[in-house]
Amino acid sequence: MSSTQTTALVIILLYMAATVAIGLIVSRRKQSKASQQSNDDFLMASKSLGPVVLAATLFAANTGGASTTGIATNVYTYGLSACWYVIAAGIGFVLVSFIAPYFRKAQANTVPEIISKRYGKASHIFTAFTSIAALFMATGAQIIATASIINVVTGLSFQTAAIVTTVVVIIYTMVGGFKSVTAANMMHVIFITVGMTIAMFIMVNNSAVGGFGALFEKAKAVSAENGNGLDLLSMTKIGLPTIIGYVAMYFMTFPTGQEIVQTYCSAKTGKAAMTGSIIAGVLSAVYAIVPAVIGLLAYTCIDGFAAGGAQKNALAEATIRFSPSIVAGLVLAAIVAATMSSASGNMIGTATMFTNDIFTPYINKGKKDDQKEMWISRVTMVVVGAVGLTVALTASNIISVMMGAFALRSAGPFAAFICGIFYKNVTQRAGFISIVTGTVVAAVWIYVLHTPLGLSAMVPGGIAAFIAIFLFSYLDRKMGVAPAPAIKFDEE
């Protein structure tokens, strides 16, 4: 390894060690305050998150490999407009902020539990299993992203990097629970936003680049020389339909993604959930340009790089070439922070769903047993890590894995969730049929039709789910079937 690679590896390992240390410290502090910690405290941070910590947790949970290395890679295809992928997430957070208080007031900890309050046992079980399967896939995707970065930059084998990543995430998540994750996420956000932004300015002002003016001039020249429709500076090339699709995707996945919903449910109040969501949205939108500019550096200032087409190591290559070794290590640690925080959110979300939606109601016959549930939660985290590692070692395309996970968890439940809150005439049977229909249509769209037109499976799946829920609710009411009982919300 070169000196830069060695320095980067040391910084990444120190970062991982700091992350585990935070988990241990938070866990011990919690134990010192109470002799016995409930499973809800462990998994839901005692519903104590204020808007700032909640915003940091939302941002860190959503900012993974696709939002960092993925954007830098896609600058070749879409120019700077690749950043719309994360800007759309920011818009999604702002839109979801209007329904965020309902998560906190629903007296529930998981998406399936909220679904069950309106649609009953069948919908509860089906949503729980599809949501858990989706988080298995999403965890694997984040392990792929983290291990790929460590592999490219340090020379460690992908398999070794994947195993190390999995072990670290399991340890710090398992030891401290959601409070340790939220505490570590504050560090993640600082590394991701402040660290990468400072590094971007350092790289742009490298003598080989010459500042923003020179970078943009070189980008114009490279675009003209390359041809093939290359437009590295475009902020519109990605197209309005794709941008609208991204916004719709996030608006559908945030209310049905356990790692996001769990954060909203952990808020102190409904107002804190709304405010935190808006802050996360603004932070995401502002941050989005940073990885795009770093990708622009790679395609513009590395000789022959753009001629090779879209390259997954664009961010890492630019960082290694145009920043001092310590800065390079900090940037790469920031990317590791993004992917690890997403993986930990997925892991603890799965544990929450398994204990709340499968173990307690169906295996333990509805009996609450905190000690047993704590043990089950930790075992579940290990299982999630193992399955996620298997996915990482057998799959290679992070985007396809994530899109499959999004479709599984969102296409079916989204219509049922929205109608469960706002549509008083919905029926239990219609809700269940809608959830199954949306999920099946999305699965067929991906795995049988192979995503025709490049259209996200959540669009046809979501449309089919809405049609099903309104149609069958109408038919049920014509037959005299009463609407499903309304969800009762806490008043704050």
Protein backbone atom coordinates (compact mmCIF):
# COMPACT_ATOMS: atom_id res chain seq x y z
CA MET A 1 0.00 0.00 0.00
CA SER A 2 1.06 3.58 -0.63
CA SER A 3 1.53 6.00 2.26
CA THR A 4 -1.82 7.61 1.43
CA GLN A 5 -3.55 4.22 1.52
CA THR A 6 -1.89 3.36 4.83
CA THR A 7 -2.93 6.66 6.39
CA ALA A 8 -6.48 6.22 5.09
CA LEU A 9 -6.68 2.70 6.54
CA VAL A 10 -5.45 3.86 9.96
CA ILE A 11 -8.01 6.68 10.06
CA ILE A 12 -10.85 4.38 8.99
CA LEU A 13 -9.93 1.82 11.65
CA LEU A 14 -9.69 4.56 14.30
CA TYR A 15 -13.10 5.78 13.23
CA MET A 16 -14.57 2.29 13.56
CA ALA A 17 -12.98 1.98 17.02
CA ALA A 18 -14.47 5.34 18.06
CA THR A 19 -17.88 4.17 16.87
CA VAL A 20 -17.72 1.01 18.99
CA ALA A 21 -16.45 3.06 21.96
CA ILE A 22 -19.48 5.35 21.73
CA GLY A 23 -21.76 2.34 21.86
CA LEU A 24 -20.00 0.99 24.95
CA ILE A 25 -20.01 4.38 26.76
CA VAL A 26 -23.69 5.02 26.06
CA SER A 27 -24.58 1.48 27.12
CA ARG A 28 -22.71 1.78 30.45
CA ARG A 29 -24.21 5.19 31.20
CA LYS A 30 -27.65 3.78 30.60
CA GLN A 31 -26.97 0.84 32.89
CA SER A 32 -25.73 3.18 35.62
CA LYS A 33 -29.00 5.13 35.53
CA ALA A 34 -31.26 2.10 35.78
CA SER A 35 -30.76 -1.40 37.03
CA GLN A 36 -33.02 -2.83 34.37
CA GLN A 37 -33.45 -1.45 30.87
CA SER A 38 -36.68 -2.18 29.07
CA ASN A 39 -36.66 -3.41 25.49
CA ASP A 40 -38.54 -0.26 24.43
CA ASP A 41 -35.75 1.86 25.97
CA PHE A 42 -33.15 -0.27 24.15
CA LEU A 43 -34.85 -0.11 20.76
CA MET A 44 -36.66 3.25 20.90
CA ALA A 45 -34.21 5.45 22.90
CA SER A 46 -36.98 5.91 25.52
CA LYS A 47 -38.84 8.09 22.99
CA SER A 48 -36.55 10.95 24.00
CA LEU A 49 -35.11 12.38 20.77
CA GLY A 50 -35.24 16.14 20.29
CA PRO A 51 -35.42 17.69 16.80
CA VAL A 52 -31.65 18.14 16.29
CA VAL A 53 -30.64 14.59 17.26
CA LEU A 54 -33.65 13.24 15.38
CA ALA A 55 -32.64 15.19 12.26
CA ALA A 56 -29.08 13.88 12.49
CA THR A 57 -30.34 10.31 12.85
CA LEU A 58 -32.71 10.66 9.87
CA PHE A 59 -29.96 12.17 7.72
CA ALA A 60 -27.37 9.57 8.68
CA ALA A 61 -29.80 6.65 8.24
CA ASN A 62 -30.68 7.80 4.72
CA THR A 63 -27.18 8.79 3.58
CA GLY A 64 -25.51 5.60 2.41
CA GLY A 65 -23.36 4.39 -0.45
CA ALA A 66 -25.74 5.54 -3.18
CA SER A 67 -25.80 9.06 -1.74
CA THR A 68 -22.01 9.37 -1.69
CA THR A 69 -20.08 7.14 -4.10
CA GLY A 70 -23.18 6.66 -6.26
CA ILE A 71 -23.63 10.36 -6.93
CA ALA A 72 -19.94 10.84 -7.76
CA THR A 73 -20.11 7.93 -10.21
CA ASN A 74 -23.26 9.26 -11.91
CA VAL A 75 -21.73 12.67 -12.65
CA TYR A 76 -20.45 11.06 -15.88
CA THR A 77 -23.99 10.19 -16.96
CA TYR A 78 -25.97 13.15 -15.61
CA GLY A 79 -23.41 15.85 -14.86
CA LEU A 80 -23.92 17.79 -11.63
CA SER A 81 -27.64 16.98 -11.89
CA ALA A 82 -26.73 13.60 -10.36
CA CYS A 83 -27.08 15.41 -7.03
CA TRP A 84 -30.87 15.48 -7.51
CA TYR A 85 -30.92 11.96 -6.06
CA VAL A 86 -30.16 13.43 -2.61
CA ILE A 87 -31.95 16.75 -3.15
CA ALA A 88 -35.07 14.65 -3.79
CA ALA A 89 -34.50 12.93 -0.45
CA GLY A 90 -34.46 16.36 1.18
CA ILE A 91 -37.76 17.22 -0.49
CA GLY A 92 -39.09 13.85 0.64
CA PHE A 93 -38.20 14.60 4.27
CA VAL A 94 -39.99 17.96 4.09
CA LEU A 95 -43.12 16.37 2.57
CA VAL A 96 -43.14 13.56 5.15
CA SER A 97 -42.78 16.10 7.96
CA PHE A 98 -46.52 16.81 7.61
CA ILE A 99 -47.39 13.23 8.57
CA ALA A 100 -44.40 12.63 10.87
CA PRO A 101 -46.36 13.51 14.04
CA TYR A 102 -48.76 10.66 13.29
CA PHE A 103 -45.94 8.13 13.77
CA ARG A 104 -45.23 9.51 17.24
CA LYS A 105 -48.92 9.68 18.18
CA ALA A 106 -49.90 6.24 16.87
CA GLN A 107 -48.73 4.46 20.05
CA ALA A 108 -46.74 2.05 17.88
CA ASN A 109 -43.07 1.34 17.24
CA THR A 110 -43.09 -0.26 13.79
CA VAL A 111 -44.70 0.05 10.36
CA PRO A 112 -46.43 -3.38 10.63
CA GLU A 113 -47.78 -2.42 14.07
CA ILE A 114 -49.33 0.75 12.64
CA ILE A 115 -50.78 -1.29 9.75
CA SER A 116 -52.22 -3.85 12.18
CA LYS A 117 -54.16 -1.19 14.09
CA ARG A 118 -56.39 -0.65 11.05
CA TYR A 119 -56.18 -3.86 9.03
CA GLY A 120 -55.72 -6.71 11.48
CA LYS A 121 -53.53 -9.80 11.88
CA ALA A 122 -53.08 -10.92 8.25
CA SER A 123 -51.87 -7.51 7.10
CA HIS A 124 -49.67 -7.28 10.21
CA ILE A 125 -47.85 -10.56 9.52
CA PHE A 126 -47.47 -10.01 5.76
CA THR A 127 -46.07 -6.48 6.21
CA ALA A 128 -43.72 -7.62 8.97
CA PHE A 129 -42.14 -10.35 6.85
CA THR A 130 -41.78 -8.23 3.70
CA SER A 131 -40.33 -5.35 5.73
CA ILE A 132 -37.82 -7.64 7.44
CA ALA A 133 -36.80 -9.16 4.09
CA ALA A 134 -36.28 -5.66 2.69
CA LEU A 135 -34.04 -4.66 5.59
CA PHE A 136 -31.95 -7.81 5.14
CA MET A 137 -31.30 -6.68 1.55
CA ALA A 138 -30.69 -3.05 2.53
CA THR A 139 -28.17 -4.10 5.19
CA GLY A 140 -26.32 -6.15 2.59
CA ALA A 141 -26.27 -3.17 0.23
CA GLN A 142 -24.60 -0.95 2.84
CA ILE A 143 -22.04 -3.64 3.63
CA ILE A 144 -21.25 -3.80 -0.11
CA ALA A 145 -20.74 -0.02 -0.21
CA THR A 146 -18.49 0.09 2.86
CA ALA A 147 -16.43 -2.94 1.91
CA SER A 148 -15.97 -1.69 -1.66
CA ILE A 149 -14.54 1.60 -0.41
CA ILE A 150 -12.13 -0.11 1.98
CA ASN A 151 -11.17 -2.60 -0.74
CA VAL A 152 -10.43 0.03 -3.40
CA VAL A 153 -8.54 2.41 -1.14
CA THR A 154 -6.61 0.13 1.19
CA GLY A 155 -6.04 -3.01 -0.85
CA LEU A 156 -7.79 -5.31 1.65
CA SER A 157 -9.80 -8.02 -0.05
CA PHE A 158 -13.50 -7.31 -0.43
CA GLN A 159 -14.38 -10.39 1.64
CA THR A 160 -12.14 -9.32 4.55
CA ALA A 161 -13.45 -5.76 4.43
CA ALA A 162 -17.05 -7.01 4.41
CA ILE A 163 -16.48 -9.22 7.46
CA VAL A 164 -14.77 -6.41 9.42
CA THR A 165 -17.57 -4.00 8.54
CA THR A 166 -20.27 -6.44 9.62
CA VAL A 167 -18.61 -7.21 12.95
CA VAL A 168 -18.12 -3.53 13.83
CA VAL A 169 -21.72 -2.59 12.99
CA ILE A 170 -23.11 -5.54 14.97
CA ILE A 171 -21.01 -4.75 18.05
CA TYR A 172 -21.77 -1.07 18.42
CA THR A 173 -25.46 -1.48 17.56
CA MET A 174 -25.96 -4.52 19.77
CA VAL A 175 -24.20 -3.19 22.84
CA GLY A 176 -25.99 0.12 23.23
CA GLY A 177 -29.21 -0.11 21.26
CA PHE A 178 -30.84 2.86 19.56
CA LYS A 179 -29.34 5.44 21.93
CA SER A 180 -25.83 4.37 20.97
CA VAL A 181 -26.80 4.56 17.30
CA THR A 182 -28.22 8.09 17.68
CA ALA A 183 -25.13 9.17 19.64
CA ALA A 184 -22.81 7.77 16.97
CA ASN A 185 -24.95 9.36 14.27
CA MET A 186 -24.04 12.81 15.59
CA MET A 187 -20.41 11.95 14.87
CA HIS A 188 -21.40 10.48 11.49
CA VAL A 189 -23.20 13.68 10.46
CA ILE A 190 -20.21 15.84 11.38
CA PHE A 191 -17.89 13.63 9.33
CA ILE A 192 -20.29 13.42 6.39
CA THR A 193 -21.27 17.08 6.15
CA VAL A 194 -18.46 19.14 7.65
CA GLY A 195 -15.63 16.70 6.87
CA MET A 196 -16.54 16.06 3.24
CA THR A 197 -17.32 19.74 2.60
CA ILE A 198 -13.95 20.90 3.94
CA ALA A 199 -12.22 18.16 1.94
CA MET A 200 -14.08 19.25 -1.21
CA PHE A 201 -12.75 22.81 -0.88
CA ILE A 202 -9.21 21.52 -0.23
CA MET A 203 -9.38 19.31 -3.33
CA VAL A 204 -10.82 22.04 -5.57
CA ASN A 205 -8.04 24.41 -4.49
CA ASN A 206 -5.30 21.85 -5.17
CA SER A 207 -2.70 23.33 -7.56
CA ALA A 208 -3.58 20.62 -10.12
CA VAL A 209 -7.19 21.83 -10.14
CA GLY A 210 -6.85 25.59 -9.67
CA GLY A 211 -10.11 26.50 -7.96
CA PHE A 212 -13.78 26.40 -8.96
CA GLY A 213 -13.37 28.69 -11.98
CA ALA A 214 -10.62 26.56 -13.48
CA LEU A 215 -12.53 23.35 -12.63
CA PHE A 216 -15.64 24.52 -14.48
CA GLU A 217 -13.62 25.62 -17.50
CA LYS A 218 -11.87 22.26 -17.64
CA ALA A 219 -15.23 20.50 -17.29
CA LYS A 220 -16.57 22.38 -20.33
CA ALA A 221 -13.48 21.43 -22.33
CA VAL A 222 -13.64 17.74 -21.33
CA SER A 223 -17.36 17.62 -22.19
CA ALA A 224 -16.70 19.14 -25.62
CA GLU A 225 -13.73 16.86 -26.36
CA ASN A 226 -15.44 13.68 -25.25
CA GLY A 227 -18.69 14.13 -27.15
CA ASN A 228 -21.28 11.36 -26.73
CA GLY A 229 -23.61 13.81 -25.04
CA LEU A 230 -21.27 14.34 -22.09
CA ASP A 231 -22.24 17.47 -20.13
CA LEU A 232 -20.49 17.40 -16.78
CA LEU A 233 -21.85 20.77 -15.60
CA SER A 234 -25.52 20.19 -16.39
CA MET A 235 -28.00 20.57 -13.53
CA THR A 236 -30.94 19.42 -15.68
CA LYS A 237 -29.67 16.47 -17.75
CA ILE A 238 -31.16 13.91 -15.38
CA GLY A 239 -34.60 15.07 -16.52
CA LEU A 240 -37.78 16.20 -14.80
CA PRO A 241 -39.50 12.75 -14.93
CA THR A 242 -36.55 11.17 -13.10
CA ILE A 243 -36.52 13.94 -10.49
CA ILE A 244 -40.26 13.53 -9.91
CA GLY A 245 -39.72 9.76 -9.69
CA TYR A 246 -37.01 10.23 -7.06
CA VAL A 247 -39.26 12.49 -4.97
CA ALA A 248 -42.13 10.00 -5.25
CA MET A 249 -39.78 7.15 -4.30
CA TYR A 250 -38.62 8.88 -1.13
CA PHE A 251 -42.12 10.02 -0.21
CA MET A 252 -43.23 6.38 -0.43
CA THR A 253 -40.22 4.77 1.25
CA PHE A 254 -39.82 7.12 4.22
CA PRO A 255 -43.27 6.42 5.73
CA THR A 256 -42.83 2.66 5.19
CA GLY A 257 -39.13 2.23 6.02
CA GLN A 258 -38.62 0.95 9.55
CA GLU A 259 -35.25 2.67 10.07
CA ILE A 260 -36.95 6.02 9.30
CA VAL A 261 -40.28 5.35 11.02
CA GLN A 262 -38.48 4.12 14.14
CA THR A 263 -36.66 7.43 14.35
CA TYR A 264 -39.91 9.39 14.10
CA CYS A 265 -41.49 7.15 16.76
CA SER A 266 -38.53 7.89 19.07
CA ALA A 267 -39.21 11.63 19.05
CA LYS A 268 -40.11 13.43 22.28
CA THR A 269 -43.21 14.90 20.69
CA GLY A 270 -45.00 15.09 17.37
CA LYS A 271 -43.68 18.64 16.94
CA ALA A 272 -40.11 17.39 17.45
CA ALA A 273 -40.72 14.75 14.75
CA MET A 274 -41.96 17.40 12.30
CA THR A 275 -39.16 19.87 13.04
CA GLY A 276 -36.46 17.19 12.88
CA SER A 277 -37.78 15.98 9.52
CA ILE A 278 -37.62 19.49 8.05
CA ILE A 279 -34.07 20.01 9.35
CA ALA A 280 -33.01 16.66 7.85
CA GLY A 281 -34.55 17.71 4.53
CA VAL A 282 -32.68 21.01 4.39
CA LEU A 283 -29.41 19.32 5.42
CA SER A 284 -29.80 16.67 2.71
CA ALA A 285 -30.52 19.22 -0.02
CA VAL A 286 -27.52 21.39 0.91
CA TYR A 287 -25.13 18.43 1.26
CA ALA A 288 -26.10 16.91 -2.11
CA ILE A 289 -23.71 19.04 -4.19
CA VAL A 290 -20.60 17.90 -2.24
CA PRO A 291 -20.17 14.35 -3.64
CA ALA A 292 -21.22 15.66 -7.07
CA VAL A 293 -18.38 18.19 -7.11
CA ILE A 294 -15.90 15.51 -6.00
CA GLY A 295 -17.13 13.30 -8.86
CA LEU A 296 -16.72 16.25 -11.23
CA LEU A 297 -13.11 16.52 -10.09
CA ALA A 298 -12.45 12.91 -11.05
CA TYR A 299 -13.93 13.09 -14.55
CA THR A 300 -12.46 16.51 -15.26
CA CYS A 301 -8.97 16.52 -13.75
CA ILE A 302 -7.77 12.91 -13.97
CA ASP A 303 -6.32 12.29 -17.42
CA GLY A 304 -8.36 9.79 -19.41
CA PHE A 305 -10.84 9.17 -16.58
CA ALA A 306 -13.91 10.39 -18.49
CA ALA A 307 -12.90 8.32 -21.51
CA GLY A 308 -13.48 5.18 -19.43
CA GLY A 309 -17.17 5.98 -18.90
CA ALA A 310 -18.96 5.94 -15.56
CA GLN A 311 -16.61 4.60 -12.87
CA LYS A 312 -17.63 3.44 -9.41
CA ASN A 313 -14.36 4.59 -7.82
CA ALA A 314 -14.67 8.22 -8.98
CA LEU A 315 -15.00 9.64 -5.47
CA ALA A 316 -12.16 7.54 -4.04
CA GLU A 317 -9.82 8.29 -6.96
CA ALA A 318 -10.41 12.06 -6.75
CA THR A 319 -9.87 11.99 -3.01
CA ILE A 320 -6.61 10.06 -3.23
CA ARG A 321 -5.20 12.26 -6.01
CA PHE A 322 -6.20 15.75 -4.94
CA SER A 323 -6.13 15.79 -1.14
CA PRO A 324 -3.43 15.26 1.51
CA SER A 325 -3.32 11.76 2.99
CA ILE A 326 -4.95 12.78 6.28
CA VAL A 327 -7.77 14.58 4.47
CA ALA A 328 -8.20 11.57 2.18
CA GLY A 329 -8.55 9.35 5.23
CA LEU A 330 -11.14 11.69 6.74
CA VAL A 331 -13.20 11.74 3.53
CA LEU A 332 -13.15 7.96 3.25
CA ALA A 333 -14.03 7.68 6.94
CA ALA A 334 -16.97 10.00 6.22
CA ILE A 335 -18.20 7.64 3.50
CA VAL A 336 -17.76 4.71 5.85
CA ALA A 337 -19.75 6.73 8.40
CA ALA A 338 -22.59 7.14 5.93
CA THR A 339 -22.81 3.48 5.00
CA MET A 340 -22.28 2.14 8.52
CA SER A 341 -24.97 4.40 9.99
CA SER A 342 -27.42 3.17 7.36
CA ALA A 343 -26.51 -0.45 8.10
CA SER A 344 -26.97 0.04 11.84
CA GLY A 345 -30.36 1.68 11.31
CA ASN A 346 -31.45 -1.27 9.18
CA MET A 347 -30.18 -3.74 11.77
CA ILE A 348 -31.94 -2.25 14.77
CA GLY A 349 -35.08 -1.67 12.71
CA THR A 350 -35.23 -5.37 11.90
CA ALA A 351 -34.73 -6.29 15.55
CA THR A 352 -37.56 -3.96 16.54
CA MET A 353 -39.96 -5.46 14.01
CA PHE A 354 -39.09 -9.05 14.86
CA THR A 355 -39.56 -8.58 18.62
CA ASN A 356 -42.62 -6.29 18.41
CA ASP A 357 -44.42 -7.83 15.44
CA ILE A 358 -43.50 -11.53 15.47
CA PHE A 359 -41.93 -12.69 18.75
CA THR A 360 -44.09 -10.94 21.35
CA PRO A 361 -47.55 -11.24 19.74
CA TYR A 362 -47.25 -14.67 18.11
CA ILE A 363 -44.36 -16.63 19.64
CA ASN A 364 -44.60 -15.32 23.22
CA LYS A 365 -48.44 -15.21 23.07
CA GLY A 366 -48.65 -11.47 23.70
CA LYS A 367 -46.73 -11.55 26.98
CA LYS A 368 -44.24 -8.72 27.54
CA ASP A 369 -40.90 -9.95 28.90
CA ASP A 370 -38.19 -7.30 28.67
CA GLN A 371 -35.27 -9.56 29.49
CA LYS A 372 -36.32 -12.16 26.94
CA GLU A 373 -37.08 -9.49 24.33
CA MET A 374 -33.68 -7.85 24.89
CA TRP A 375 -32.00 -11.19 24.29
CA ILE A 376 -34.11 -11.83 21.17
CA SER A 377 -33.35 -8.33 19.85
CA ARG A 378 -29.60 -8.84 20.15
CA VAL A 379 -29.73 -12.29 18.56
CA THR A 380 -31.79 -10.80 15.71
CA MET A 381 -29.10 -8.16 15.12
CA VAL A 382 -26.47 -10.87 14.73
CA VAL A 383 -28.72 -12.75 12.30
CA VAL A 384 -29.34 -9.57 10.28
CA GLY A 385 -25.60 -8.97 10.11
CA ALA A 386 -24.95 -12.55 8.96
CA VAL A 387 -27.65 -12.44 6.29
CA GLY A 388 -26.54 -8.97 5.20
CA LEU A 389 -22.97 -10.25 4.90
CA THR A 390 -24.22 -13.14 2.75
CA VAL A 391 -26.05 -10.70 0.48
CA ALA A 392 -22.90 -8.57 0.25
CA LEU A 393 -20.72 -11.53 -0.70
CA THR A 394 -23.13 -12.83 -3.35
CA ALA A 395 -24.40 -9.58 -4.92
CA SER A 396 -22.47 -6.75 -6.52
CA ASN A 397 -24.85 -4.01 -7.66
CA ILE A 398 -25.79 -1.84 -4.70
CA ILE A 399 -28.38 0.15 -6.63
CA SER A 400 -30.29 -2.93 -7.81
CA VAL A 401 -30.23 -4.40 -4.29
CA MET A 402 -31.51 -1.15 -2.76
CA MET A 403 -34.24 -0.66 -5.36
CA GLY A 404 -35.42 -4.23 -4.74
CA ALA A 405 -35.51 -3.54 -1.01
CA PHE A 406 -37.40 -0.26 -1.48
CA ALA A 407 -40.00 -1.93 -3.69
CA LEU A 408 -40.54 -4.84 -1.26
CA ARG A 409 -41.14 -2.60 1.73
CA SER A 410 -43.03 0.29 0.11
CA ALA A 411 -45.07 -0.64 -2.97
CA GLY A 412 -47.66 -2.58 -0.97
CA PRO A 413 -47.91 -0.90 2.47
CA PHE A 414 -47.78 2.75 1.32
CA ALA A 415 -51.38 2.95 0.06
CA ALA A 416 -52.65 1.06 3.13
CA PHE A 417 -50.69 3.35 5.45
CA ILE A 418 -51.94 6.60 3.89
CA CYS A 419 -55.54 5.37 3.65
CA GLY A 420 -55.31 3.96 7.17
CA ILE A 421 -54.70 7.46 8.50
CA PHE A 422 -56.80 9.63 6.20
CA TYR A 423 -59.54 7.46 4.59
CA LYS A 424 -62.34 6.65 7.02
CA ASN A 425 -64.17 4.23 4.67
CA VAL A 426 -61.32 1.78 4.09
CA THR A 427 -62.00 -1.87 5.04
CA GLN A 428 -59.75 -4.54 6.51
CA ARG A 429 -60.02 -6.86 3.52
CA ALA A 430 -59.27 -4.03 1.09
CA GLY A 431 -56.17 -3.11 3.08
CA PHE A 432 -54.81 -6.64 2.98
CA ILE A 433 -55.54 -7.11 -0.74
CA SER A 434 -53.92 -3.76 -1.46
CA ILE A 435 -50.72 -4.65 0.43
CA VAL A 436 -50.40 -8.01 -1.33
CA THR A 437 -51.28 -6.57 -4.76
CA GLY A 438 -48.75 -3.75 -4.59
CA THR A 439 -45.99 -6.08 -3.40
CA VAL A 440 -46.70 -8.73 -6.08
CA VAL A 441 -46.88 -6.15 -8.90
CA ALA A 442 -43.57 -4.64 -7.76
CA ALA A 443 -41.90 -8.07 -7.55
CA VAL A 444 -43.14 -9.03 -11.05
CA TRP A 445 -41.99 -5.66 -12.41
CA ILE A 446 -38.45 -6.26 -11.11
CA TYR A 447 -37.84 -9.99 -11.29
CA VAL A 448 -40.04 -11.05 -14.23
CA LEU A 449 -40.23 -7.99 -16.48
CA HIS A 450 -36.76 -6.73 -15.44
CA THR A 451 -37.82 -3.12 -14.78
CA PRO A 452 -39.12 -2.02 -18.22
CA LEU A 453 -38.41 1.58 -19.26
CA GLY A 454 -36.17 1.89 -16.20
CA LEU A 455 -39.26 2.88 -14.22
CA SER A 456 -39.09 2.18 -10.49
CA ALA A 457 -41.26 -0.77 -9.46
CA MET A 458 -42.76 1.38 -6.71
CA VAL A 459 -44.70 3.39 -9.29
CA PRO A 460 -46.72 0.52 -10.85
CA GLY A 461 -46.83 -1.27 -7.49
CA GLY A 462 -48.09 1.82 -5.69
CA ILE A 463 -50.70 2.60 -8.37
CA ALA A 464 -51.97 -0.99 -8.27
CA ALA A 465 -52.17 -0.85 -4.46
CA PHE A 466 -54.21 2.37 -4.47
CA ILE A 467 -56.58 1.02 -7.13
CA ALA A 468 -57.04 -2.18 -5.11
CA ILE A 469 -57.71 -0.45 -1.79
CA PHE A 470 -60.34 1.94 -3.20
CA LEU A 471 -61.98 -0.72 -5.39
CA PHE A 472 -62.30 -3.39 -2.71
CA SER A 473 -63.31 -0.88 -0.04
CA TYR A 474 -66.14 0.20 -2.36
CA LEU A 475 -67.19 -3.41 -3.05
CA ASP A 476 -67.08 -4.28 0.66
CA ARG A 477 -69.24 -1.31 1.58
CA LYS A 478 -71.74 -2.27 -1.16
CA MET A 479 -72.01 -5.66 0.57
CA GLY A 480 -72.58 -4.01 3.93
CA VAL A 481 -69.09 -4.51 5.36
CA ALA A 482 -68.24 -1.87 7.94
CA PRO A 483 -65.06 0.24 7.57
CA ALA A 484 -62.02 -0.81 9.56
CA PRO A 485 -61.76 0.71 13.06
CA ALA A 486 -59.95 4.05 12.98
CA ILE A 487 -56.48 4.35 14.48
CA LYS A 488 -56.52 6.10 17.85
CA PHE A 489 -53.84 8.75 18.20
CA ASP A 490 -52.34 10.19 21.38
CA GLU A 491 -53.15 13.82 22.02
CA GLU A 492 -50.12 15.88 23.07
